[in-house]
Amino acid sequence: MYFRLFYSETIKMTKIDNILLGEVSRQAQSSPRLRMNHNFHDSMQSPSQRLLNALEPGTVLPIHRHALTDETYIVLRGKLWVRFYDDDKRVGKEALLDPVNGSYGVNIPAGQ
């Protein structure tokens, strides 16, 4: 089954494919932090921030918490360790995200 949608205005679309993933990965590899993001939202005032992050081996995301919003990670290629910490910065739960093994992502509730 397929649907055809007709619009009278121009539609902006960004295709997430190997070309985009490769470009963002190349930018991440040349970044001192070994990571780079490609924003889909138009401004920092947008009610939701949608972005693609390229995280290269050796990068470290600092321990952080989003008080008011959930955060979702979906791995398209590669692997990502996700660790949850308690208030004393001790590791609680952890998960290896690896799409090859069927572990694609994790949603982290606000305040976690």
C-alpha atoms as a PDB file:
ATOM      1  CA  MET A   1       0.000   0.000   0.000  1.00  0.00           C
ATOM      2  CA  TYR A   2       1.220   3.491  -0.711  1.00  0.00           C
ATOM      3  CA  PHE A   3      -0.123   7.000  -0.413  1.00  0.00           C
ATOM      4  CA  ARG A   4       0.381  10.034  -2.574  1.00  0.00           C
ATOM      5  CA  LEU A   5       0.330  13.362  -0.836  1.00  0.00           C
ATOM      6  CA  PHE A   6      -0.100  16.577  -2.750  1.00  0.00           C
ATOM      7  CA  TYR A   7       0.886  19.966  -1.412  1.00  0.00           C
ATOM      8  CA  SER A   8       0.626  23.426  -2.856  1.00  0.00           C
ATOM      9  CA  GLU A   9       3.739  24.633  -1.041  1.00  0.00           C
ATOM     10  CA  THR A  10       7.396  23.615  -1.107  1.00  0.00           C
ATOM     11  CA  ILE A  11       8.262  20.879   1.377  1.00  0.00           C
ATOM     12  CA  LYS A  12      11.666  20.876   3.050  1.00  0.00           C
ATOM     13  CA  MET A  13      13.014  17.369   3.573  1.00  0.00           C
ATOM     14  CA  THR A  14      16.342  16.088   4.859  1.00  0.00           C
ATOM     15  CA  LYS A  15      17.056  12.507   3.959  1.00  0.00           C
ATOM     16  CA  ILE A  16      18.963  10.541   6.603  1.00  0.00           C
ATOM     17  CA  ASP A  17      21.170   8.291   4.505  1.00  0.00           C
ATOM     18  CA  ASN A  18      24.782   7.120   4.240  1.00  0.00           C
ATOM     19  CA  ILE A  19      25.756  10.411   2.592  1.00  0.00           C
ATOM     20  CA  LEU A  20      24.537  12.499   5.549  1.00  0.00           C
ATOM     21  CA  LEU A  21      25.895  10.009   8.113  1.00  0.00           C
ATOM     22  CA  GLY A  22      29.279   9.981   6.368  1.00  0.00           C
ATOM     23  CA  GLU A  23      29.503  13.776   6.238  1.00  0.00           C
ATOM     24  CA  VAL A  24      28.627  14.260   9.904  1.00  0.00           C
ATOM     25  CA  SER A  25      31.033  11.446  10.860  1.00  0.00           C
ATOM     26  CA  ARG A  26      33.860  13.107   8.896  1.00  0.00           C
ATOM     27  CA  GLN A  27      33.174  16.373  10.728  1.00  0.00           C
ATOM     28  CA  ALA A  28      33.222  14.521  14.061  1.00  0.00           C
ATOM     29  CA  GLN A  29      36.538  12.842  13.239  1.00  0.00           C
ATOM     30  CA  SER A  30      38.163  16.228  12.650  1.00  0.00           C
ATOM     31  CA  SER A  31      36.640  17.793  15.783  1.00  0.00           C
ATOM     32  CA  PRO A  32      38.768  17.942  18.972  1.00  0.00           C
ATOM     33  CA  ARG A  33      35.775  16.529  20.912  1.00  0.00           C
ATOM     34  CA  LEU A  34      35.347  13.698  18.357  1.00  0.00           C
ATOM     35  CA  ARG A  35      31.655  14.419  17.967  1.00  0.00           C
ATOM     36  CA  MET A  36      29.449  16.569  15.788  1.00  0.00           C
ATOM     37  CA  ASN A  37      25.748  17.169  15.488  1.00  0.00           C
ATOM     38  CA  HIS A  38      23.501  17.972  12.551  1.00  0.00           C
ATOM     39  CA  ASN A  39      20.477  19.958  13.725  1.00  0.00           C
ATOM     40  CA  PHE A  40      17.050  19.423  12.207  1.00  0.00           C
ATOM     41  CA  HIS A  41      15.424  22.139  14.359  1.00  0.00           C
ATOM     42  CA  ASP A  42      15.547  25.701  13.068  1.00  0.00           C
ATOM     43  CA  SER A  43      16.546  27.470  16.289  1.00  0.00           C
ATOM     44  CA  MET A  44      17.496  26.879  19.915  1.00  0.00           C
ATOM     45  CA  GLN A  45      14.045  28.271  20.825  1.00  0.00           C
ATOM     46  CA  SER A  46      12.329  25.381  19.054  1.00  0.00           C
ATOM     47  CA  PRO A  47      10.002  23.447  21.407  1.00  0.00           C
ATOM     48  CA  SER A  48      11.835  20.230  20.532  1.00  0.00           C
ATOM     49  CA  GLN A  49      15.434  19.799  19.545  1.00  0.00           C
ATOM     50  CA  ARG A  50      15.892  17.114  16.900  1.00  0.00           C
ATOM     51  CA  LEU A  51      19.409  16.309  15.880  1.00  0.00           C
ATOM     52  CA  LEU A  52      21.721  13.658  14.563  1.00  0.00           C
ATOM     53  CA  ASN A  53      24.871  13.132  16.628  1.00  0.00           C
ATOM     54  CA  ALA A  54      27.996  11.518  15.265  1.00  0.00           C
ATOM     55  CA  LEU A  55      30.038  10.197  18.186  1.00  0.00           C
ATOM     56  CA  GLU A  56      33.446   8.844  17.228  1.00  0.00           C
ATOM     57  CA  PRO A  57      35.443   6.328  19.315  1.00  0.00           C
ATOM     58  CA  GLY A  58      37.185   8.132  22.170  1.00  0.00           C
ATOM     59  CA  THR A  59      34.562  10.821  22.724  1.00  0.00           C
ATOM     60  CA  VAL A  60      33.003  11.102  26.160  1.00  0.00           C
ATOM     61  CA  LEU A  61      29.660  12.727  26.898  1.00  0.00           C
ATOM     62  CA  PRO A  62      29.700  14.355  30.333  1.00  0.00           C
ATOM     63  CA  ILE A  63      27.307  13.093  32.968  1.00  0.00           C
ATOM     64  CA  HIS A  64      24.224  15.258  32.652  1.00  0.00           C
ATOM     65  CA  ARG A  65      20.521  15.354  33.339  1.00  0.00           C
ATOM     66  CA  HIS A  66      17.614  17.001  31.578  1.00  0.00           C
ATOM     67  CA  ALA A  67      15.232  18.142  34.295  1.00  0.00           C
ATOM     68  CA  LEU A  68      12.210  18.844  32.091  1.00  0.00           C
ATOM     69  CA  THR A  69      12.585  16.740  28.954  1.00  0.00           C
ATOM     70  CA  ASP A  70      13.181  13.133  27.995  1.00  0.00           C
ATOM     71  CA  GLU A  71      16.232  12.295  25.903  1.00  0.00           C
ATOM     72  CA  THR A  72      16.223   9.516  23.314  1.00  0.00           C
ATOM     73  CA  TYR A  73      19.200   7.820  21.714  1.00  0.00           C
ATOM     74  CA  ILE A  74      18.749   5.707  18.580  1.00  0.00           C
ATOM     75  CA  VAL A  75      21.888   4.137  17.138  1.00  0.00           C
ATOM     76  CA  LEU A  76      21.984   3.891  13.344  1.00  0.00           C
ATOM     77  CA  ARG A  77      25.471   2.392  13.100  1.00  0.00           C
ATOM     78  CA  GLY A  78      28.283   1.567  15.484  1.00  0.00           C
ATOM     79  CA  LYS A  79      27.842   0.928  19.209  1.00  0.00           C
ATOM     80  CA  LEU A  80      27.140   3.126  22.216  1.00  0.00           C
ATOM     81  CA  TRP A  81      27.446   2.416  25.929  1.00  0.00           C
ATOM     82  CA  VAL A  82      24.804   4.229  27.956  1.00  0.00           C
ATOM     83  CA  ARG A  83      25.383   4.446  31.707  1.00  0.00           C
ATOM     84  CA  PHE A  84      22.948   5.701  34.308  1.00  0.00           C
ATOM     85  CA  TYR A  85      24.339   7.290  37.460  1.00  0.00           C
ATOM     86  CA  ASP A  86      22.848   7.957  40.865  1.00  0.00           C
ATOM     87  CA  ASP A  87      23.122  11.310  42.650  1.00  0.00           C
ATOM     88  CA  ASP A  88      26.553  10.271  43.995  1.00  0.00           C
ATOM     89  CA  LYS A  89      27.781   9.614  40.420  1.00  0.00           C
ATOM     90  CA  ARG A  90      27.925   5.851  40.917  1.00  0.00           C
ATOM     91  CA  VAL A  91      27.016   3.675  37.927  1.00  0.00           C
ATOM     92  CA  GLY A  92      23.605   2.081  38.303  1.00  0.00           C
ATOM     93  CA  LYS A  93      22.159   0.582  35.151  1.00  0.00           C
ATOM     94  CA  GLU A  94      24.013   0.437  31.863  1.00  0.00           C
ATOM     95  CA  ALA A  95      23.221  -0.761  28.374  1.00  0.00           C
ATOM     96  CA  LEU A  96      25.150  -1.421  25.190  1.00  0.00           C
ATOM     97  CA  LEU A  97      23.257  -0.124  22.167  1.00  0.00           C
ATOM     98  CA  ASP A  98      24.213  -2.088  19.063  1.00  0.00           C
ATOM     99  CA  PRO A  99      21.801  -2.293  16.123  1.00  0.00           C
ATOM    100  CA  VAL A 100      23.600  -5.372  14.778  1.00  0.00           C
ATOM    101  CA  ASN A 101      22.452  -7.230  17.912  1.00  0.00           C
ATOM    102  CA  GLY A 102      18.939  -5.769  17.901  1.00  0.00           C
ATOM    103  CA  SER A 103      19.517  -3.154  20.625  1.00  0.00           C
ATOM    104  CA  TYR A 104      18.653   0.085  18.829  1.00  0.00           C
ATOM    105  CA  GLY A 105      18.070   2.746  21.413  1.00  0.00           C
ATOM    106  CA  VAL A 106      16.969   3.955  24.778  1.00  0.00           C
ATOM    107  CA  ASN A 107      14.607   6.633  26.035  1.00  0.00           C
ATOM    108  CA  ILE A 108      15.748   8.396  29.197  1.00  0.00           C
ATOM    109  CA  PRO A 109      12.921  10.001  31.198  1.00  0.00           C
ATOM    110  CA  ALA A 110      13.169  13.625  32.320  1.00  0.00           C
ATOM    111  CA  GLY A 111      15.137  14.008  35.537  1.00  0.00           C
ATOM    112  CA  GLN A 112      17.025  10.723  35.139  1.00  0.00           C
END
